[in-house]
Amino acid sequence: MDLKEELQAAADQLALSRRRFVKGEEGLRLLRQSREAFINSLRNTGLTYSEAKTKYDNCLDDQEAGQRNVQQQMEYAERMHQYVLKRIALEAEQA
């Protein structure tokens, strides 16, 4: 793969990672915003408030962990994109 193709692949991966990150942040915002509704809907299944709150907290923890993973993927994609850009600059310098 030549550098132009590598740059395109890195840019595509970075754009995809950024979209995933933004969607994840929006999902977390909505989950936090709907905390009481989430807990009350679980209580309607027969759970106590404490049990429902624990389920909500576990769900939030899982989503935050997933979002941290997406953030790490995005940061890696940013580093790879910068790496390819530097390789292109070095190649242009040597030419």
PDB file of N, CA and C in Angstrom:
ATOM      1  N   MET A   1       0.856  -1.170   0.000  1.00  0.00           N
ATOM      2  CA  MET A   1       0.000   0.000   0.000  1.00  0.00           C
ATOM      3  C   MET A   1       0.906   1.237   0.000  1.00  0.00           C
ATOM      4  N   ASP A   2       0.635   2.157  -0.888  1.00  0.00           N
ATOM      5  CA  ASP A   2       1.452   3.369  -0.920  1.00  0.00           C
ATOM      6  C   ASP A   2       0.962   4.352   0.145  1.00  0.00           C
ATOM      7  N   LEU A   3       1.721   5.401   0.345  1.00  0.00           N
ATOM      8  CA  LEU A   3       1.413   6.341   1.422  1.00  0.00           C
ATOM      9  C   LEU A   3       0.067   7.033   1.235  1.00  0.00           C
ATOM     10  N   LYS A   4      -0.294   7.301  -0.006  1.00  0.00           N
ATOM     11  CA  LYS A   4      -1.583   7.948  -0.255  1.00  0.00           C
ATOM     12  C   LYS A   4      -2.731   7.043   0.194  1.00  0.00           C
ATOM     13  N   GLU A   5      -2.618   5.759  -0.102  1.00  0.00           N
ATOM     14  CA  GLU A   5      -3.642   4.803   0.326  1.00  0.00           C
ATOM     15  C   GLU A   5      -3.642   4.655   1.845  1.00  0.00           C
ATOM     16  N   GLU A   6      -2.449   4.636   2.437  1.00  0.00           N
ATOM     17  CA  GLU A   6      -2.354   4.554   3.897  1.00  0.00           C
ATOM     18  C   GLU A   6      -2.998   5.766   4.549  1.00  0.00           C
ATOM     19  N   LEU A   7      -2.750   6.939   3.971  1.00  0.00           N
ATOM     20  CA  LEU A   7      -3.339   8.160   4.518  1.00  0.00           C
ATOM     21  C   LEU A   7      -4.858   8.104   4.424  1.00  0.00           C
ATOM     22  N   GLN A   8      -5.373   7.648   3.304  1.00  0.00           N
ATOM     23  CA  GLN A   8      -6.825   7.549   3.140  1.00  0.00           C
ATOM     24  C   GLN A   8      -7.414   6.558   4.140  1.00  0.00           C
ATOM     25  N   ALA A   9      -6.754   5.422   4.309  1.00  0.00           N
ATOM     26  CA  ALA A   9      -7.232   4.420   5.265  1.00  0.00           C
ATOM     27  C   ALA A   9      -7.194   4.969   6.689  1.00  0.00           C
ATOM     28  N   ALA A  10      -6.118   5.675   7.033  1.00  0.00           N
ATOM     29  CA  ALA A  10      -6.004   6.257   8.374  1.00  0.00           C
ATOM     30  C   ALA A  10      -7.068   7.329   8.589  1.00  0.00           C
ATOM     31  N   ALA A  11      -7.311   8.146   7.576  1.00  0.00           N
ATOM     32  CA  ALA A  11      -8.331   9.196   7.684  1.00  0.00           C
ATOM     33  C   ALA A  11      -9.726   8.589   7.815  1.00  0.00           C
ATOM     34  N   ASP A  12      -9.987   7.530   7.066  1.00  0.00           N
ATOM     35  CA  ASP A  12     -11.284   6.851   7.159  1.00  0.00           C
ATOM     36  C   ASP A  12     -11.491   6.262   8.550  1.00  0.00           C
ATOM     37  N   GLN A  13     -10.451   5.614   9.077  1.00  0.00           N
ATOM     38  CA  GLN A  13     -10.547   5.021  10.409  1.00  0.00           C
ATOM     39  C   GLN A  13     -10.744   6.100  11.470  1.00  0.00           C
ATOM     40  N   LEU A  14     -10.055   7.211  11.320  1.00  0.00           N
ATOM     41  CA  LEU A  14     -10.197   8.317  12.265  1.00  0.00           C
ATOM     42  C   LEU A  14     -11.612   8.881  12.223  1.00  0.00           C
ATOM     43  N   ALA A  15     -12.154   9.083  11.038  1.00  0.00           N
ATOM     44  CA  ALA A  15     -13.514   9.614  10.911  1.00  0.00           C
ATOM     45  C   ALA A  15     -14.530   8.655  11.535  1.00  0.00           C
ATOM     46  N   LEU A  16     -14.359   7.362  11.285  1.00  0.00           N
ATOM     47  CA  LEU A  16     -15.253   6.358  11.860  1.00  0.00           C
ATOM     48  C   LEU A  16     -15.157   6.360  13.385  1.00  0.00           C
ATOM     49  N   SER A  17     -13.948   6.415  13.900  1.00  0.00           N
ATOM     50  CA  SER A  17     -13.740   6.428  15.351  1.00  0.00           C
ATOM     51  C   SER A  17     -14.367   7.663  15.983  1.00  0.00           C
ATOM     52  N   ARG A  18     -14.219   8.798  15.330  1.00  0.00           N
ATOM     53  CA  ARG A  18     -14.817  10.034  15.864  1.00  0.00           C
ATOM     54  C   ARG A  18     -16.338   9.955  15.876  1.00  0.00           C
ATOM     55  N   ARG A  19     -16.929   9.397  14.818  1.00  0.00           N
ATOM     56  CA  ARG A  19     -18.395   9.247  14.785  1.00  0.00           C
ATOM     57  C   ARG A  19     -18.865   8.320  15.908  1.00  0.00           C
ATOM     58  N   ARG A  20     -18.149   7.220  16.103  1.00  0.00           N
ATOM     59  CA  ARG A  20     -18.510   6.290  17.185  1.00  0.00           C
ATOM     60  C   ARG A  20     -18.407   6.969  18.547  1.00  0.00           C
ATOM     61  N   PHE A  21     -17.361   7.770  18.724  1.00  0.00           N
ATOM     62  CA  PHE A  21     -17.172   8.453  19.998  1.00  0.00           C
ATOM     63  C   PHE A  21     -18.313   9.435  20.256  1.00  0.00           C
ATOM     64  N   VAL A  22     -18.668  10.216  19.246  1.00  0.00           N
ATOM     65  CA  VAL A  22     -19.747  11.200  19.402  1.00  0.00           C
ATOM     66  C   VAL A  22     -21.067  10.494  19.715  1.00  0.00           C
ATOM     67  N   LYS A  23     -21.350   9.399  19.019  1.00  0.00           N
ATOM     68  CA  LYS A  23     -22.578   8.643  19.289  1.00  0.00           C
ATOM     69  C   LYS A  23     -22.574   8.089  20.708  1.00  0.00           C
ATOM     70  N   GLY A  24     -21.433   7.604  21.144  1.00  0.00           N
ATOM     71  CA  GLY A  24     -21.324   7.070  22.497  1.00  0.00           C
ATOM     72  C   GLY A  24     -21.535   8.134  23.553  1.00  0.00           C
ATOM     73  N   GLU A  25     -20.974   9.313  23.327  1.00  0.00           N
ATOM     74  CA  GLU A  25     -21.164  10.421  24.270  1.00  0.00           C
ATOM     75  C   GLU A  25     -22.635  10.812  24.344  1.00  0.00           C
ATOM     76  N   GLU A  26     -23.288  10.842  23.194  1.00  0.00           N
ATOM     77  CA  GLU A  26     -24.720  11.171  23.165  1.00  0.00           C
ATOM     78  C   GLU A  26     -25.523  10.104  23.901  1.00  0.00           C
ATOM     79  N   GLY A  27     -25.180   8.845  23.693  1.00  0.00           N
ATOM     80  CA  GLY A  27     -25.856   7.763  24.396  1.00  0.00           C
ATOM     81  C   GLY A  27     -25.690   7.861  25.904  1.00  0.00           C
ATOM     82  N   LEU A  28     -24.480   8.176  26.346  1.00  0.00           N
ATOM     83  CA  LEU A  28     -24.247   8.345  27.787  1.00  0.00           C
ATOM     84  C   LEU A  28     -25.035   9.524  28.337  1.00  0.00           C
ATOM     85  N   ARG A  29     -25.078  10.613  27.579  1.00  0.00           N
ATOM     86  CA  ARG A  29     -25.830  11.791  28.022  1.00  0.00           C
ATOM     87  C   ARG A  29     -27.305  11.433  28.196  1.00  0.00           C
ATOM     88  N   LEU A  30     -27.857  10.713  27.219  1.00  0.00           N
ATOM     89  CA  LEU A  30     -29.266  10.324  27.296  1.00  0.00           C
ATOM     90  C   LEU A  30     -29.518   9.347  28.441  1.00  0.00           C
ATOM     91  N   LEU A  31     -28.593   8.423  28.656  1.00  0.00           N
ATOM     92  CA  LEU A  31     -28.746   7.469  29.754  1.00  0.00           C
ATOM     93  C   LEU A  31     -28.744   8.196  31.097  1.00  0.00           C
ATOM     94  N   ARG A  32     -27.831   9.129  31.252  1.00  0.00           N
ATOM     95  CA  ARG A  32     -27.780   9.893  32.510  1.00  0.00           C
ATOM     96  C   ARG A  32     -29.031  10.750  32.685  1.00  0.00           C
ATOM     97  N   GLN A  33     -29.498  11.312  31.585  1.00  0.00           N
ATOM     98  CA  GLN A  33     -30.675  12.176  31.618  1.00  0.00           C
ATOM     99  C   GLN A  33     -31.931  11.382  31.991  1.00  0.00           C
ATOM    100  N   SER A  34     -31.986  10.126  31.611  1.00  0.00           N
ATOM    101  CA  SER A  34     -33.186   9.319  31.840  1.00  0.00           C
ATOM    102  C   SER A  34     -33.053   8.426  33.074  1.00  0.00           C
ATOM    103  N   ARG A  35     -32.190   8.795  33.982  1.00  0.00           N
ATOM    104  CA  ARG A  35     -31.907   7.963  35.155  1.00  0.00           C
ATOM    105  C   ARG A  35     -33.174   7.551  35.899  1.00  0.00           C
ATOM    106  N   GLU A  36     -33.982   8.526  36.300  1.00  0.00           N
ATOM    107  CA  GLU A  36     -35.179   8.205  37.094  1.00  0.00           C
ATOM    108  C   GLU A  36     -36.181   7.383  36.294  1.00  0.00           C
ATOM    109  N   ALA A  37     -36.365   7.714  35.025  1.00  0.00           N
ATOM    110  CA  ALA A  37     -37.289   6.939  34.189  1.00  0.00           C
ATOM    111  C   ALA A  37     -36.791   5.500  34.038  1.00  0.00           C
ATOM    112  N   PHE A  38     -35.496   5.338  33.877  1.00  0.00           N
ATOM    113  CA  PHE A  38     -34.888   4.009  33.749  1.00  0.00           C
ATOM    114  C   PHE A  38     -35.147   3.200  35.023  1.00  0.00           C
ATOM    115  N   ILE A  39     -34.872   3.814  36.157  1.00  0.00           N
ATOM    116  CA  ILE A  39     -35.062   3.125  37.443  1.00  0.00           C
ATOM    117  C   ILE A  39     -36.535   2.791  37.658  1.00  0.00           C
ATOM    118  N   ASN A  40     -37.419   3.756  37.361  1.00  0.00           N
ATOM    119  CA  ASN A  40     -38.854   3.503  37.550  1.00  0.00           C
ATOM    120  C   ASN A  40     -39.365   2.402  36.628  1.00  0.00           C
ATOM    121  N   SER A  41     -38.849   2.342  35.412  1.00  0.00           N
ATOM    122  CA  SER A  41     -39.294   1.272  34.509  1.00  0.00           C
ATOM    123  C   SER A  41     -38.840  -0.091  35.038  1.00  0.00           C
ATOM    124  N   LEU A  42     -37.676  -0.138  35.648  1.00  0.00           N
ATOM    125  CA  LEU A  42     -37.225  -1.391  36.264  1.00  0.00           C
ATOM    126  C   LEU A  42     -38.063  -1.732  37.495  1.00  0.00           C
ATOM    127  N   ARG A  43     -38.470  -0.716  38.222  1.00  0.00           N
ATOM    128  CA  ARG A  43     -39.307  -0.962  39.402  1.00  0.00           C
ATOM    129  C   ARG A  43     -40.656  -1.532  38.994  1.00  0.00           C
ATOM    130  N   ASN A  44     -41.126  -1.162  37.801  1.00  0.00           N
ATOM    131  CA  ASN A  44     -42.401  -1.699  37.314  1.00  0.00           C
ATOM    132  C   ASN A  44     -42.323  -3.195  37.036  1.00  0.00           C
ATOM    133  N   THR A  45     -41.116  -3.739  36.983  1.00  0.00           N
ATOM    134  CA  THR A  45     -40.962  -5.189  36.781  1.00  0.00           C
ATOM    135  C   THR A  45     -40.945  -5.937  38.110  1.00  0.00           C
ATOM    136  N   GLY A  46     -41.081  -5.189  39.211  1.00  0.00           N
ATOM    137  CA  GLY A  46     -41.129  -5.823  40.519  1.00  0.00           C
ATOM    138  C   GLY A  46     -39.866  -5.661  41.343  1.00  0.00           C
ATOM    139  N   LEU A  47     -38.880  -4.976  40.811  1.00  0.00           N
ATOM    140  CA  LEU A  47     -37.647  -4.759  41.568  1.00  0.00           C
ATOM    141  C   LEU A  47     -37.850  -3.668  42.609  1.00  0.00           C
ATOM    142  N   THR A  48     -37.087  -3.746  43.676  1.00  0.00           N
ATOM    143  CA  THR A  48     -37.097  -2.658  44.650  1.00  0.00           C
ATOM    144  C   THR A  48     -36.314  -1.486  44.068  1.00  0.00           C
ATOM    145  N   TYR A  49     -36.453  -0.324  44.706  1.00  0.00           N
ATOM    146  CA  TYR A  49     -35.715   0.851  44.223  1.00  0.00           C
ATOM    147  C   TYR A  49     -34.213   0.573  44.264  1.00  0.00           C
ATOM    148  N   SER A  50     -33.761  -0.042  45.332  1.00  0.00           N
ATOM    149  CA  SER A  50     -32.337  -0.338  45.485  1.00  0.00           C
ATOM    150  C   SER A  50     -31.842  -1.282  44.387  1.00  0.00           C
ATOM    151  N   GLU A  51     -32.615  -2.314  44.088  1.00  0.00           N
ATOM    152  CA  GLU A  51     -32.233  -3.255  43.032  1.00  0.00           C
ATOM    153  C   GLU A  51     -32.212  -2.573  41.663  1.00  0.00           C
ATOM    154  N   ALA A  52     -33.233  -1.754  41.420  1.00  0.00           N
ATOM    155  CA  ALA A  52     -33.317  -1.048  40.136  1.00  0.00           C
ATOM    156  C   ALA A  52     -32.170  -0.056  39.994  1.00  0.00           C
ATOM    157  N   LYS A  53     -31.841   0.639  41.078  1.00  0.00           N
ATOM    158  CA  LYS A  53     -30.736   1.602  41.043  1.00  0.00           C
ATOM    159  C   LYS A  53     -29.419   0.877  40.778  1.00  0.00           C
ATOM    160  N   THR A  54     -29.237  -0.279  41.396  1.00  0.00           N
ATOM    161  CA  THR A  54     -28.028  -1.071  41.168  1.00  0.00           C
ATOM    162  C   THR A  54     -27.933  -1.496  39.703  1.00  0.00           C
ATOM    163  N   LYS A  55     -29.051  -1.926  39.123  1.00  0.00           N
ATOM    164  CA  LYS A  55     -29.048  -2.306  37.699  1.00  0.00           C
ATOM    165  C   LYS A  55     -28.709  -1.103  36.825  1.00  0.00           C
ATOM    166  N   TYR A  56     -29.273   0.060  37.152  1.00  0.00           N
ATOM    167  CA  TYR A  56     -28.962   1.277  36.391  1.00  0.00           C
ATOM    168  C   TYR A  56     -27.471   1.600  36.511  1.00  0.00           C
ATOM    169  N   ASP A  57     -26.958   1.567  37.732  1.00  0.00           N
ATOM    170  CA  ASP A  57     -25.539   1.874  37.952  1.00  0.00           C
ATOM    171  C   ASP A  57     -24.641   0.907  37.184  1.00  0.00           C
ATOM    172  N   ASN A  58     -24.991  -0.376  37.181  1.00  0.00           N
ATOM    173  CA  ASN A  58     -24.213  -1.369  36.431  1.00  0.00           C
ATOM    174  C   ASN A  58     -24.268  -1.091  34.935  1.00  0.00           C
ATOM    175  N   CYS A  59     -25.444  -0.737  34.453  1.00  0.00           N
ATOM    176  CA  CYS A  59     -25.605  -0.414  33.029  1.00  0.00           C
ATOM    177  C   CYS A  59     -24.749   0.800  32.676  1.00  0.00           C
ATOM    178  N   LEU A  60     -24.803   1.826  33.508  1.00  0.00           N
ATOM    179  CA  LEU A  60     -24.017   3.036  33.271  1.00  0.00           C
ATOM    180  C   LEU A  60     -22.523   2.719  33.293  1.00  0.00           C
ATOM    181  N   ASP A  61     -22.098   1.913  34.253  1.00  0.00           N
ATOM    182  CA  ASP A  61     -20.684   1.521  34.324  1.00  0.00           C
ATOM    183  C   ASP A  61     -20.247   0.789  33.057  1.00  0.00           C
ATOM    184  N   ASP A  62     -21.092  -0.120  32.575  1.00  0.00           N
ATOM    185  CA  ASP A  62     -20.775  -0.864  31.346  1.00  0.00           C
ATOM    186  C   ASP A  62     -20.665   0.075  30.149  1.00  0.00           C
ATOM    187  N   GLN A  63     -21.597   1.008  30.055  1.00  0.00           N
ATOM    188  CA  GLN A  63     -21.583   1.946  28.931  1.00  0.00           C
ATOM    189  C   GLN A  63     -20.359   2.867  28.995  1.00  0.00           C
ATOM    190  N   GLU A  64     -20.011   3.306  30.190  1.00  0.00           N
ATOM    191  CA  GLU A  64     -18.828   4.167  30.343  1.00  0.00           C
ATOM    192  C   GLU A  64     -17.553   3.404  29.992  1.00  0.00           C
ATOM    193  N   ALA A  65     -17.481   2.138  30.382  1.00  0.00           N
ATOM    194  CA  ALA A  65     -16.308   1.320  30.039  1.00  0.00           C
ATOM    195  C   ALA A  65     -16.211   1.152  28.525  1.00  0.00           C
ATOM    196  N   GLY A  66     -17.329   0.908  27.890  1.00  0.00           N
ATOM    197  CA  GLY A  66     -17.338   0.803  26.435  1.00  0.00           C
ATOM    198  C   GLY A  66     -16.917   2.102  25.774  1.00  0.00           C
ATOM    199  N   GLN A  67     -17.355   3.215  26.337  1.00  0.00           N
ATOM    200  CA  GLN A  67     -16.994   4.513  25.776  1.00  0.00           C
ATOM    201  C   GLN A  67     -15.503   4.793  25.958  1.00  0.00           C
ATOM    202  N   ARG A  68     -14.936   4.363  27.073  1.00  0.00           N
ATOM    203  CA  ARG A  68     -13.484   4.524  27.260  1.00  0.00           C
ATOM    204  C   ARG A  68     -12.723   3.728  26.199  1.00  0.00           C
ATOM    205  N   ASN A  69     -13.223   2.550  25.874  1.00  0.00           N
ATOM    206  CA  ASN A  69     -12.606   1.738  24.824  1.00  0.00           C
ATOM    207  C   ASN A  69     -12.696   2.446  23.473  1.00  0.00           C
ATOM    208  N   VAL A  70     -13.841   3.012  23.169  1.00  0.00           N
ATOM    209  CA  VAL A  70     -14.018   3.754  21.916  1.00  0.00           C
ATOM    210  C   VAL A  70     -13.085   4.958  21.888  1.00  0.00           C
ATOM    211  N   GLN A  71     -12.926   5.621  23.035  1.00  0.00           N
ATOM    212  CA  GLN A  71     -12.020   6.774  23.105  1.00  0.00           C
ATOM    213  C   GLN A  71     -10.579   6.342  22.836  1.00  0.00           C
ATOM    214  N   GLN A  72     -10.182   5.212  23.393  1.00  0.00           N
ATOM    215  CA  GLN A  72      -8.833   4.707  23.138  1.00  0.00           C
ATOM    216  C   GLN A  72      -8.639   4.369  21.665  1.00  0.00           C
ATOM    217  N   GLN A  73      -9.651   3.793  21.040  1.00  0.00           N
ATOM    218  CA  GLN A  73      -9.570   3.493  19.610  1.00  0.00           C
ATOM    219  C   GLN A  73      -9.443   4.778  18.795  1.00  0.00           C
ATOM    220  N   MET A  74     -10.179   5.810  19.201  1.00  0.00           N
ATOM    221  CA  MET A  74     -10.114   7.082  18.499  1.00  0.00           C
ATOM    222  C   MET A  74      -8.729   7.714  18.660  1.00  0.00           C
ATOM    223  N   GLU A  75      -8.184   7.660  19.859  1.00  0.00           N
ATOM    224  CA  GLU A  75      -6.850   8.218  20.094  1.00  0.00           C
ATOM    225  C   GLU A  75      -5.799   7.462  19.280  1.00  0.00           C
ATOM    226  N   TYR A  76      -5.941   6.145  19.180  1.00  0.00           N
ATOM    227  CA  TYR A  76      -5.020   5.352  18.367  1.00  0.00           C
ATOM    228  C   TYR A  76      -5.139   5.754  16.894  1.00  0.00           C
ATOM    229  N   ALA A  77      -6.361   5.919  16.423  1.00  0.00           N
ATOM    230  CA  ALA A  77      -6.576   6.322  15.026  1.00  0.00           C
ATOM    231  C   ALA A  77      -5.959   7.697  14.766  1.00  0.00           C
ATOM    232  N   GLU A  78      -6.053   8.598  15.746  1.00  0.00           N
ATOM    233  CA  GLU A  78      -5.430   9.920  15.601  1.00  0.00           C
ATOM    234  C   GLU A  78      -3.911   9.798  15.498  1.00  0.00           C
ATOM    235  N   ARG A  79      -3.339   8.944  16.348  1.00  0.00           N
ATOM    236  CA  ARG A  79      -1.884   8.749  16.304  1.00  0.00           C
ATOM    237  C   ARG A  79      -1.445   8.136  14.978  1.00  0.00           C
ATOM    238  N   MET A  80      -2.193   7.170  14.480  1.00  0.00           N
ATOM    239  CA  MET A  80      -1.848   6.542  13.202  1.00  0.00           C
ATOM    240  C   MET A  80      -1.944   7.546  12.060  1.00  0.00           C
ATOM    241  N   HIS A  81      -2.945   8.385  12.091  1.00  0.00           N
ATOM    242  CA  HIS A  81      -3.110   9.407  11.057  1.00  0.00           C
ATOM    243  C   HIS A  81      -1.920  10.364  11.087  1.00  0.00           C
ATOM    244  N   GLN A  82      -1.532  10.800  12.276  1.00  0.00           N
ATOM    245  CA  GLN A  82      -0.381  11.699  12.404  1.00  0.00           C
ATOM    246  C   GLN A  82       0.905  11.015  11.945  1.00  0.00           C
ATOM    247  N   TYR A  83       1.038   9.736  12.253  1.00  0.00           N
ATOM    248  CA  TYR A  83       2.217   8.973  11.847  1.00  0.00           C
ATOM    249  C   TYR A  83       2.343   8.939  10.322  1.00  0.00           C
ATOM    250  N   VAL A  84       1.239   8.667   9.646  1.00  0.00           N
ATOM    251  CA  VAL A  84       1.268   8.618   8.179  1.00  0.00           C
ATOM    252  C   VAL A  84       1.576  10.000   7.615  1.00  0.00           C
ATOM    253  N   LEU A  85       0.989  11.039   8.200  1.00  0.00           N
ATOM    254  CA  LEU A  85       1.285  12.403   7.739  1.00  0.00           C
ATOM    255  C   LEU A  85       2.771  12.726   7.886  1.00  0.00           C
ATOM    256  N   LYS A  86       3.367  12.307   8.994  1.00  0.00           N
ATOM    257  CA  LYS A  86       4.799  12.559   9.201  1.00  0.00           C
ATOM    258  C   LYS A  86       5.640  11.788   8.189  1.00  0.00           C
ATOM    259  N   ARG A  87       5.233  10.555   7.892  1.00  0.00           N
ATOM    260  CA  ARG A  87       5.959   9.771   6.883  1.00  0.00           C
ATOM    261  C   ARG A  87       5.893  10.442   5.518  1.00  0.00           C
ATOM    262  N   ILE A  88       4.745  10.990   5.190  1.00  0.00           N
ATOM    263  CA  ILE A  88       4.595  11.694   3.914  1.00  0.00           C
ATOM    264  C   ILE A  88       5.478  12.934   3.894  1.00  0.00           C
ATOM    265  N   ALA A  89       5.510  13.664   5.003  1.00  0.00           N
ATOM    266  CA  ALA A  89       6.342  14.868   5.080  1.00  0.00           C
ATOM    267  C   ALA A  89       7.822  14.511   4.949  1.00  0.00           C
ATOM    268  N   LEU A  90       8.246  13.438   5.597  1.00  0.00           N
ATOM    269  CA  LEU A  90       9.643  13.004   5.494  1.00  0.00           C
ATOM    270  C   LEU A  90       9.990  12.586   4.071  1.00  0.00           C
ATOM    271  N   GLU A  91       9.076  11.886   3.440  1.00  0.00           N
ATOM    272  CA  GLU A  91       9.317  11.457   2.067  1.00  0.00           C
ATOM    273  C   GLU A  91       9.418  12.672   1.134  1.00  0.00           C
ATOM    274  N   ALA A  92       8.578  13.665   1.360  1.00  0.00           N
ATOM    275  CA  ALA A  92       8.613  14.878   0.535  1.00  0.00           C
ATOM    276  C   ALA A  92       9.908  15.650   0.775  1.00  0.00           C
ATOM    277  N   GLU A  93      10.375  15.643   2.018  1.00  0.00           N
ATOM    278  CA  GLU A  93      11.626  16.313   2.379  1.00  0.00           C
ATOM    279  C   GLU A  93      12.813  15.670   1.667  1.00  0.00           C
ATOM    280  N   GLN A  94      12.794  14.355   1.585  1.00  0.00           N
ATOM    281  CA  GLN A  94      13.904  13.615   0.987  1.00  0.00           C
ATOM    282  C   GLN A  94      13.901  13.679  -0.537  1.00  0.00           C
ATOM    283  N   ALA A  95      12.768  14.021  -1.106  1.00  0.00           N
ATOM    284  CA  ALA A  95      12.668  14.062  -2.580  1.00  0.00           C
ATOM    285  C   ALA A  95      13.258  15.330  -3.160  1.00  0.00           C
TER     286      ALA A  95
END
